[in-house]
Structures are given as C-alpha cells and as structure tokens.
C-alpha cells in the first residue's frame, strides 16, 4: 500500500530494476576502489556520494546500500562475475557511458590512476563496446599524420 501511495503521490520508490542496477554499480565502484589494494579516503567519499545519489531521499535504500558497501569492503566481489552480470543488462547504450563515467570519477578521486583501476575500467568498456576516448584520439592523430605524410610523398607514374 505504501508503494502504491508513494507512486501515486509522485514520490520516489526505486523499482526492482533500479535497485539491482544501483547495487551492481556500487559493487563495481567498491571493486574498483579496492583494485590497487588501498582504499583512499577520497575513494571512500566517492562510494558514499554514489550511495547518496542512488538512494535519493529513500532512507531504507540508503541503509541497504550502505550495509552492502560495508560488507563488500570486507569481502570484495569477483570482478569477472560483475562483468558477466553487467553484460546481461538490455538497456546498454546510455548505461555503459554512465557506468564508465562513474568508475572513472572514482578512479581519479585520489588524483592518480592506478594501472589496475585502468584495466578494470577497460574491461567494463569492452562489455559495452565503448572505445577509450584517449585511444580514439591517438588513433585519429596517428591516421592524420600518416595520411598527411603519405600525401606529401612524390607519386610515381606507372611505366
């Protein structure tokens, strides 16, 4: 009854799918934060900020996600399992970009990107078939330079 009234009055009650997605994102974020073996204060703040955003004004959801985060800090989830679960989401376009952006934000929270964090982000990009913008820029630059260099070469006529 409370859920019906909440929806009727325009309140925010997270759907089951939204809860699962928030939980999955939280598990990814905690795994990433622990990837370098050290949980920095800035990363912990990012985890707390994500919980605040995901739960909104729903105190129960906030408590549930906070408890889940504490459990994961003691026993981090397997990243392979998270990737497999992530690959099952059907609305993958915008979701992938949102998840990668969130992970990059957490990874840079301590002002350095550890190679293990970068590797995990690349794995998530692969799940969503998202290219790394830096690699795209490098590829564009590489092709531009070679195209330019190729056009300045004298052309030989066939004999």
C-alpha atoms as a PDB file:
ATOM      1  CA  UNK A   1       0.000   0.000   0.000  1.00  0.00           C
ATOM      2  CA  UNK A   2       2.791   2.427   0.840  1.00  0.00           C
ATOM      3  CA  UNK A   3       4.473   1.766  -2.507  1.00  0.00           C
ATOM      4  CA  UNK A   4       1.217   2.478  -4.338  1.00  0.00           C
ATOM      5  CA  UNK A   5       0.699   5.711  -2.410  1.00  0.00           C
ATOM      6  CA  UNK A   6       4.290   6.750  -2.960  1.00  0.00           C
ATOM      7  CA  UNK A   7       3.924   6.285  -6.719  1.00  0.00           C
ATOM      8  CA  UNK A   8       0.507   7.930  -6.743  1.00  0.00           C
ATOM      9  CA  UNK A   9       1.814  10.989  -4.934  1.00  0.00           C
ATOM     10  CA  UNK A  10       4.872  11.183  -7.163  1.00  0.00           C
ATOM     11  CA  UNK A  11       7.348  10.094  -4.531  1.00  0.00           C
ATOM     12  CA  UNK A  12      10.463   8.176  -5.339  1.00  0.00           C
ATOM     13  CA  UNK A  13      10.362   4.489  -4.672  1.00  0.00           C
ATOM     14  CA  UNK A  14      13.124   2.734  -6.572  1.00  0.00           C
ATOM     15  CA  UNK A  15      11.944  -0.045  -8.841  1.00  0.00           C
ATOM     16  CA  UNK A  16      13.415  -3.526  -8.527  1.00  0.00           C
ATOM     17  CA  UNK A  17      15.448  -2.963 -11.700  1.00  0.00           C
ATOM     18  CA  UNK A  18      16.796   0.352 -10.409  1.00  0.00           C
ATOM     19  CA  UNK A  19      17.718  -1.276  -7.099  1.00  0.00           C
ATOM     20  CA  UNK A  20      19.593  -4.071  -8.890  1.00  0.00           C
ATOM     21  CA  UNK A  21      21.375  -1.559 -11.096  1.00  0.00           C
ATOM     22  CA  UNK A  22      22.369   0.633  -8.131  1.00  0.00           C
ATOM     23  CA  UNK A  23      23.627  -2.457  -6.326  1.00  0.00           C
ATOM     24  CA  UNK A  24      25.631  -3.577  -9.360  1.00  0.00           C
ATOM     25  CA  UNK A  25      27.145  -0.129  -9.818  1.00  0.00           C
ATOM     26  CA  UNK A  26      28.031   0.003  -6.130  1.00  0.00           C
ATOM     27  CA  UNK A  27      29.713  -3.398  -6.366  1.00  0.00           C
ATOM     28  CA  UNK A  28      31.709  -2.189  -9.399  1.00  0.00           C
ATOM     29  CA  UNK A  29      32.700   1.027  -7.631  1.00  0.00           C
ATOM     30  CA  UNK A  30      33.853  -0.745  -4.467  1.00  0.00           C
ATOM     31  CA  UNK A  31      35.799  -3.310  -6.508  1.00  0.00           C
ATOM     32  CA  UNK A  32      37.485  -0.524  -8.436  1.00  0.00           C
ATOM     33  CA  UNK A  33      38.282   1.438  -5.274  1.00  0.00           C
ATOM     34  CA  UNK A  34      39.952  -1.658  -3.809  1.00  0.00           C
ATOM     35  CA  UNK A  35      41.780  -2.610  -7.027  1.00  0.00           C
ATOM     36  CA  UNK A  36      45.086  -1.032  -6.007  1.00  0.00           C
ATOM     37  CA  UNK A  37      44.965  -2.647  -2.573  1.00  0.00           C
ATOM     38  CA  UNK A  38      44.387   0.624  -0.726  1.00  0.00           C
ATOM     39  CA  UNK A  39      41.066   2.314  -0.043  1.00  0.00           C
ATOM     40  CA  UNK A  40      41.850   6.021  -0.068  1.00  0.00           C
ATOM     41  CA  UNK A  41      39.699   8.477   1.851  1.00  0.00           C
ATOM     42  CA  UNK A  42      38.761  10.220  -1.408  1.00  0.00           C
ATOM     43  CA  UNK A  43      37.572   6.919  -2.878  1.00  0.00           C
ATOM     44  CA  UNK A  44      35.545   6.179   0.235  1.00  0.00           C
ATOM     45  CA  UNK A  45      33.904   9.596  -0.140  1.00  0.00           C
ATOM     46  CA  UNK A  46      33.038   8.718  -3.751  1.00  0.00           C
ATOM     47  CA  UNK A  47      31.398   5.491  -2.577  1.00  0.00           C
ATOM     48  CA  UNK A  48      29.361   7.469  -0.027  1.00  0.00           C
ATOM     49  CA  UNK A  49      28.416  10.068  -2.656  1.00  0.00           C
ATOM     50  CA  UNK A  50      27.227   7.327  -5.010  1.00  0.00           C
ATOM     51  CA  UNK A  51      25.084   5.824  -2.248  1.00  0.00           C
ATOM     52  CA  UNK A  52      23.566   9.259  -1.571  1.00  0.00           C
ATOM     53  CA  UNK A  53      22.736   9.766  -5.259  1.00  0.00           C
ATOM     54  CA  UNK A  54      21.443   6.231  -5.803  1.00  0.00           C
ATOM     55  CA  UNK A  55      19.239   6.200  -2.709  1.00  0.00           C
ATOM     56  CA  UNK A  56      17.957   9.741  -3.065  1.00  0.00           C
ATOM     57  CA  UNK A  57      15.614  10.532  -0.204  1.00  0.00           C
ATOM     58  CA  UNK A  58      14.782   6.872   0.464  1.00  0.00           C
ATOM     59  CA  UNK A  59      16.265   6.123   3.903  1.00  0.00           C
ATOM     60  CA  UNK A  60      15.738   2.367   3.599  1.00  0.00           C
ATOM     61  CA  UNK A  61      17.582   2.236   0.285  1.00  0.00           C
ATOM     62  CA  UNK A  62      20.388   4.358   1.726  1.00  0.00           C
ATOM     63  CA  UNK A  63      20.735   1.987   4.666  1.00  0.00           C
ATOM     64  CA  UNK A  64      20.607  -1.083   2.392  1.00  0.00           C
ATOM     65  CA  UNK A  65      23.310   0.238   0.051  1.00  0.00           C
ATOM     66  CA  UNK A  66      25.481   1.399   2.974  1.00  0.00           C
ATOM     67  CA  UNK A  67      25.326  -2.054   4.568  1.00  0.00           C
ATOM     68  CA  UNK A  68      26.151  -3.658   1.231  1.00  0.00           C
ATOM     69  CA  UNK A  69      29.165  -1.372   0.806  1.00  0.00           C
ATOM     70  CA  UNK A  70      30.455  -2.265   4.279  1.00  0.00           C
ATOM     71  CA  UNK A  71      30.099  -5.987   3.524  1.00  0.00           C
ATOM     72  CA  UNK A  72      31.973  -5.576   0.242  1.00  0.00           C
ATOM     73  CA  UNK A  73      34.815  -3.689   1.873  1.00  0.00           C
ATOM     74  CA  UNK A  74      35.436  -6.802   3.971  1.00  0.00           C
ATOM     75  CA  UNK A  75      34.850  -9.279   1.123  1.00  0.00           C
ATOM     76  CA  UNK A  76      35.104  -7.642  -2.316  1.00  0.00           C
ATOM     77  CA  UNK A  77      33.103  -9.233  -5.128  1.00  0.00           C
ATOM     78  CA  UNK A  78      34.779 -11.022  -8.023  1.00  0.00           C
ATOM     79  CA  UNK A  79      35.116  -8.594 -10.911  1.00  0.00           C
ATOM     80  CA  UNK A  80      34.537 -11.315 -13.527  1.00  0.00           C
ATOM     81  CA  UNK A  81      31.132 -12.046 -12.009  1.00  0.00           C
ATOM     82  CA  UNK A  82      30.281  -8.354 -12.064  1.00  0.00           C
ATOM     83  CA  UNK A  83      31.225  -8.085 -15.736  1.00  0.00           C
ATOM     84  CA  UNK A  84      29.072 -11.076 -16.578  1.00  0.00           C
ATOM     85  CA  UNK A  85      26.132  -9.591 -14.697  1.00  0.00           C
ATOM     86  CA  UNK A  86      26.707  -6.238 -16.367  1.00  0.00           C
ATOM     87  CA  UNK A  87      26.637  -7.810 -19.822  1.00  0.00           C
ATOM     88  CA  UNK A  88      23.088  -9.067 -19.199  1.00  0.00           C
ATOM     89  CA  UNK A  89      21.533  -5.602 -18.982  1.00  0.00           C
ATOM     90  CA  UNK A  90      19.426  -4.887 -22.035  1.00  0.00           C
ATOM     91  CA  UNK A  91      19.490  -1.067 -21.934  1.00  0.00           C
ATOM     92  CA  UNK A  92      23.193  -0.922 -22.591  1.00  0.00           C
ATOM     93  CA  UNK A  93      23.762   2.294 -24.558  1.00  0.00           C
ATOM     94  CA  UNK A  94      23.423   5.063 -22.016  1.00  0.00           C
ATOM     95  CA  UNK A  95      24.053   2.661 -19.145  1.00  0.00           C
ATOM     96  CA  UNK A  96      27.566   1.878 -20.342  1.00  0.00           C
ATOM     97  CA  UNK A  97      28.546   5.503 -20.632  1.00  0.00           C
ATOM     98  CA  UNK A  98      27.090   6.254 -17.197  1.00  0.00           C
ATOM     99  CA  UNK A  99      28.839   3.305 -15.525  1.00  0.00           C
ATOM    100  CA  UNK A 100      32.210   4.081 -17.138  1.00  0.00           C
ATOM    101  CA  UNK A 101      31.933   7.767 -16.205  1.00  0.00           C
ATOM    102  CA  UNK A 102      31.148   6.828 -12.594  1.00  0.00           C
ATOM    103  CA  UNK A 103      34.092   4.414 -12.443  1.00  0.00           C
ATOM    104  CA  UNK A 104      36.476   6.975 -13.956  1.00  0.00           C
ATOM    105  CA  UNK A 105      35.309   9.530 -11.398  1.00  0.00           C
ATOM    106  CA  UNK A 106      36.063   7.116  -8.548  1.00  0.00           C
ATOM    107  CA  UNK A 107      39.386   6.018 -10.055  1.00  0.00           C
ATOM    108  CA  UNK A 108      40.595   9.617 -10.254  1.00  0.00           C
ATOM    109  CA  UNK A 109      39.336  10.539  -6.766  1.00  0.00           C
ATOM    110  CA  UNK A 110      42.793  10.065  -5.270  1.00  0.00           C
ATOM    111  CA  UNK A 111      44.364  12.107  -8.113  1.00  0.00           C
ATOM    112  CA  UNK A 112      46.129   9.137  -9.635  1.00  0.00           C
ATOM    113  CA  UNK A 113      45.015   6.351 -11.916  1.00  0.00           C
ATOM    114  CA  UNK A 114      46.482   3.010 -10.930  1.00  0.00           C
ATOM    115  CA  UNK A 115      47.110   0.598 -13.821  1.00  0.00           C
ATOM    116  CA  UNK A 116      44.806  -1.965 -12.157  1.00  0.00           C
ATOM    117  CA  UNK A 117      41.990   0.571 -11.980  1.00  0.00           C
ATOM    118  CA  UNK A 118      42.565   1.493 -15.606  1.00  0.00           C
ATOM    119  CA  UNK A 119      42.485  -2.189 -16.581  1.00  0.00           C
ATOM    120  CA  UNK A 120      39.151  -2.744 -14.807  1.00  0.00           C
ATOM    121  CA  UNK A 121      37.638   0.311 -16.486  1.00  0.00           C
ATOM    122  CA  UNK A 122      38.823  -1.002 -19.854  1.00  0.00           C
ATOM    123  CA  UNK A 123      37.116  -4.329 -19.125  1.00  0.00           C
ATOM    124  CA  UNK A 124      33.848  -2.512 -18.436  1.00  0.00           C
ATOM    125  CA  UNK A 125      34.294  -0.506 -21.653  1.00  0.00           C
ATOM    126  CA  UNK A 126      34.714  -3.782 -23.523  1.00  0.00           C
ATOM    127  CA  UNK A 127      31.457  -5.150 -22.085  1.00  0.00           C
ATOM    128  CA  UNK A 128      29.634  -2.127 -23.509  1.00  0.00           C
ATOM    129  CA  UNK A 129      31.703  -1.912 -26.709  1.00  0.00           C
ATOM    130  CA  UNK A 130      32.796   1.590 -25.745  1.00  0.00           C
ATOM    131  CA  UNK A 131      36.071   2.897 -27.090  1.00  0.00           C
ATOM    132  CA  UNK A 132      38.525   4.723 -24.892  1.00  0.00           C
ATOM    133  CA  UNK A 133      38.438   8.381 -25.961  1.00  0.00           C
ATOM    134  CA  UNK A 134      42.201   8.651 -25.491  1.00  0.00           C
ATOM    135  CA  UNK A 135      42.764   5.684 -27.764  1.00  0.00           C
ATOM    136  CA  UNK A 136      40.338   7.125 -30.311  1.00  0.00           C
ATOM    137  CA  UNK A 137      42.168  10.446 -30.219  1.00  0.00           C
ATOM    138  CA  UNK A 138      45.502   8.684 -30.594  1.00  0.00           C
ATOM    139  CA  UNK A 139      44.153   6.634 -33.500  1.00  0.00           C
ATOM    140  CA  UNK A 140      42.787   9.761 -35.185  1.00  0.00           C
ATOM    141  CA  UNK A 141      46.099  11.557 -34.721  1.00  0.00           C
ATOM    142  CA  UNK A 142      48.040   8.540 -35.967  1.00  0.00           C
ATOM    143  CA  UNK A 143      45.914   8.272 -39.117  1.00  0.00           C
ATOM    144  CA  UNK A 144      46.034  12.027 -39.729  1.00  0.00           C
ATOM    145  CA  UNK A 145      49.822  12.102 -39.518  1.00  0.00           C
ATOM    146  CA  UNK A 146      50.194   9.103 -41.815  1.00  0.00           C
ATOM    147  CA  UNK A 147      47.638  10.479 -44.274  1.00  0.00           C
ATOM    148  CA  UNK A 148      49.431  13.827 -44.293  1.00  0.00           C
ATOM    149  CA  UNK A 149      52.854  12.221 -44.644  1.00  0.00           C
ATOM    150  CA  UNK A 150      51.533   9.958 -47.381  1.00  0.00           C
ATOM    151  CA  UNK A 151      50.127  12.876 -49.375  1.00  0.00           C
ATOM    152  CA  UNK A 152      53.482  14.706 -49.397  1.00  0.00           C
ATOM    153  CA  UNK A 153      55.279  11.742 -50.952  1.00  0.00           C
ATOM    154  CA  UNK A 154      56.013  12.133 -54.659  1.00  0.00           C
ATOM    155  CA  UNK A 155      53.836   9.849 -56.736  1.00  0.00           C
ATOM    156  CA  UNK A 156      55.490   7.673 -59.336  1.00  0.00           C
ATOM    157  CA  UNK A 157      53.807   7.056 -62.584  1.00  0.00           C
ATOM    158  CA  UNK A 158      53.484   3.537 -63.783  1.00  0.00           C
ATOM    159  CA  UNK A 159      55.787   2.867 -66.700  1.00  0.00           C
END
